[in-house]
Structure formats: structure tokens, C-alpha cells
Amino acid sequence: MTVADECRSCGAKVIWAVSAKPPAEGETLKRQPLDHAAGHDPGGKLECWRGDDGIVYYLPLRKGQQPAAGHHRATSHYARCPDAAHWRNRSQEGTQDAPTA
């Protein structure tokens, strides 16, 4: 899950991350593509880190909040992909497809 993939829309490298927030009852884990190049993005709105299990996790950062020690700022690929609206609409319709190979 942490291997770089390629966006099926724009070809950018992305890394899949899993929400560190436990899902509500009846929901599945939320996954999000992060820009590979923005893994240490000082303007990123997500905190990300690699867990001991090798999985990359993310949480949203509140305004003014800094990532914990050893964690990094990242940017969702949806913030930069020119076809983000297409993929966002598909996920809202309940499909699990996302812009990766």
C-alpha cells in the first residue's frame, strides 16, 4: 500500500495513505492518494507518517497545528490532480476506484 503508484488521470506519482482515524461503525478505512513529490510539503494540510507496520497513515492538520515529531506534512493528490473532481464524484457515489494504476 505504500509503494508509489501512478495517477491514471495525470500520470503523477502518488502514495496511498490510510486514515489514522478509526472508521465509524459500518464504514471502511479511508484511503487517500498523497502527492509523492509533496511528501514533505511545508504547506501540506495533512500529517503523514509510516507506521511500524509499514503503512503510511494520515490525519488532517488544523490551522496552525504542526505535525508530531517524526511526522511530515503532505498534500492530497486530489488538491493538484486536474481530474480530481471526476474521482471525487465517483467516491461519493460509493465506488472505490481512485486515480491509480
Foldseek 3Di string as FASTA:
>chain_A
DQDWFAFQQPRFTWGKAWEPDDDDPPDDIDIFTWGPVFQAPPPAQWKWAQDPVRGIYIDGHDVPDDHDPRIHGTHTVLVPGPCSVVQVVCVVVPDPDGGGD
